[in-house]
Amino acid sequence: MQKNQIYLVAVIEAILFIAFAFQMVTNPSWTNLAILVVLGIGFVQLKDMYDKAKRKEDKNL
């Protein structure tokens, strides 16, 4: 995955995370908590994919 695609996915995930965090504050539920956990795991995976793309780009230069 290219870096610009990773940026796009990260922005979308950040918007979703903010929306569900706000929902969690206004109306706490286990479902919102589960979604926040899944989005948090997604951020960790995105960081790993970004690091791999960066290493690949540096290797090609």
C-alpha atoms as a PDB file:
ATOM      1  CA  MET A   1       0.000   0.000   0.000  1.00  0.00           C
ATOM      2  CA  GLN A   2       1.353   3.418  -0.891  1.00  0.00           C
ATOM      3  CA  LYS A   3       1.892   6.140   1.690  1.00  0.00           C
ATOM      4  CA  ASN A   4      -0.841   8.409   0.302  1.00  0.00           C
ATOM      5  CA  GLN A   5      -3.364   5.547   0.557  1.00  0.00           C
ATOM      6  CA  ILE A   6      -2.274   4.950   4.135  1.00  0.00           C
ATOM      7  CA  TYR A   7      -2.798   8.649   4.893  1.00  0.00           C
ATOM      8  CA  LEU A   8      -6.327   8.467   3.460  1.00  0.00           C
ATOM      9  CA  VAL A   9      -7.218   5.403   5.524  1.00  0.00           C
ATOM     10  CA  ALA A  10      -5.731   7.025   8.631  1.00  0.00           C
ATOM     11  CA  VAL A  11      -7.819  10.170   8.163  1.00  0.00           C
ATOM     12  CA  ILE A  12     -10.996   8.133   7.718  1.00  0.00           C
ATOM     13  CA  GLU A  13     -10.194   6.031  10.790  1.00  0.00           C
ATOM     14  CA  ALA A  14      -9.435   9.165  12.809  1.00  0.00           C
ATOM     15  CA  ILE A  15     -12.812  10.662  11.880  1.00  0.00           C
ATOM     16  CA  LEU A  16     -14.560   7.426  12.852  1.00  0.00           C
ATOM     17  CA  PHE A  17     -12.581   7.248  16.106  1.00  0.00           C
ATOM     18  CA  ILE A  18     -13.556  10.813  17.043  1.00  0.00           C
ATOM     19  CA  ALA A  19     -17.201  10.153  16.190  1.00  0.00           C
ATOM     20  CA  PHE A  20     -17.375   6.991  18.292  1.00  0.00           C
ATOM     21  CA  ALA A  21     -15.395   8.586  21.136  1.00  0.00           C
ATOM     22  CA  PHE A  22     -17.942  11.411  21.234  1.00  0.00           C
ATOM     23  CA  GLN A  23     -20.736   8.831  21.110  1.00  0.00           C
ATOM     24  CA  MET A  24     -19.051   6.964  23.980  1.00  0.00           C
ATOM     25  CA  VAL A  25     -19.001  10.138  26.092  1.00  0.00           C
ATOM     26  CA  THR A  26     -22.615  11.037  25.382  1.00  0.00           C
ATOM     27  CA  ASN A  27     -24.066   7.500  25.420  1.00  0.00           C
ATOM     28  CA  PRO A  28     -21.676   4.853  26.793  1.00  0.00           C
ATOM     29  CA  SER A  29     -22.220   1.302  25.590  1.00  0.00           C
ATOM     30  CA  TRP A  30     -20.238  -1.875  25.131  1.00  0.00           C
ATOM     31  CA  THR A  31     -20.727  -1.666  21.377  1.00  0.00           C
ATOM     32  CA  ASN A  32     -19.080   1.760  21.195  1.00  0.00           C
ATOM     33  CA  LEU A  33     -16.231   0.510  23.362  1.00  0.00           C
ATOM     34  CA  ALA A  34     -15.719  -2.496  21.082  1.00  0.00           C
ATOM     35  CA  ILE A  35     -15.667  -0.258  17.993  1.00  0.00           C
ATOM     36  CA  LEU A  36     -13.104   2.052  19.642  1.00  0.00           C
ATOM     37  CA  VAL A  37     -10.904  -0.949  20.461  1.00  0.00           C
ATOM     38  CA  VAL A  38     -11.100  -2.221  16.875  1.00  0.00           C
ATOM     39  CA  LEU A  39     -10.269   1.249  15.518  1.00  0.00           C
ATOM     40  CA  GLY A  40      -7.324   1.462  17.926  1.00  0.00           C
ATOM     41  CA  ILE A  41      -6.014  -1.865  16.656  1.00  0.00           C
ATOM     42  CA  GLY A  42      -6.462  -0.523  13.113  1.00  0.00           C
ATOM     43  CA  PHE A  43      -4.244   2.459  13.962  1.00  0.00           C
ATOM     44  CA  VAL A  44      -1.500   0.126  15.162  1.00  0.00           C
ATOM     45  CA  GLN A  45      -1.738  -1.896  11.956  1.00  0.00           C
ATOM     46  CA  LEU A  46      -1.643   1.301   9.871  1.00  0.00           C
ATOM     47  CA  LYS A  47       1.526   2.391  11.647  1.00  0.00           C
ATOM     48  CA  ASP A  48       3.148  -0.932  10.765  1.00  0.00           C
ATOM     49  CA  MET A  49       2.043  -0.611   7.127  1.00  0.00           C
ATOM     50  CA  TYR A  50       3.345   2.972   7.006  1.00  0.00           C
ATOM     51  CA  ASP A  51       6.720   1.895   8.388  1.00  0.00           C
ATOM     52  CA  LYS A  52       6.976  -0.872   5.777  1.00  0.00           C
ATOM     53  CA  ALA A  53       6.074   1.533   2.966  1.00  0.00           C
ATOM     54  CA  LYS A  54       8.621   4.055   4.236  1.00  0.00           C
ATOM     55  CA  ARG A  55      11.368   1.413   4.427  1.00  0.00           C
ATOM     56  CA  LYS A  56      10.505   0.225   0.922  1.00  0.00           C
ATOM     57  CA  GLU A  57      10.627   3.813  -0.371  1.00  0.00           C
ATOM     58  CA  ASP A  58      13.960   4.480   1.341  1.00  0.00           C
ATOM     59  CA  LYS A  59      15.336   1.226  -0.057  1.00  0.00           C
ATOM     60  CA  ASN A  60      14.350   2.254  -3.615  1.00  0.00           C
ATOM     61  CA  LEU A  61      16.116   5.618  -3.329  1.00  0.00           C
END
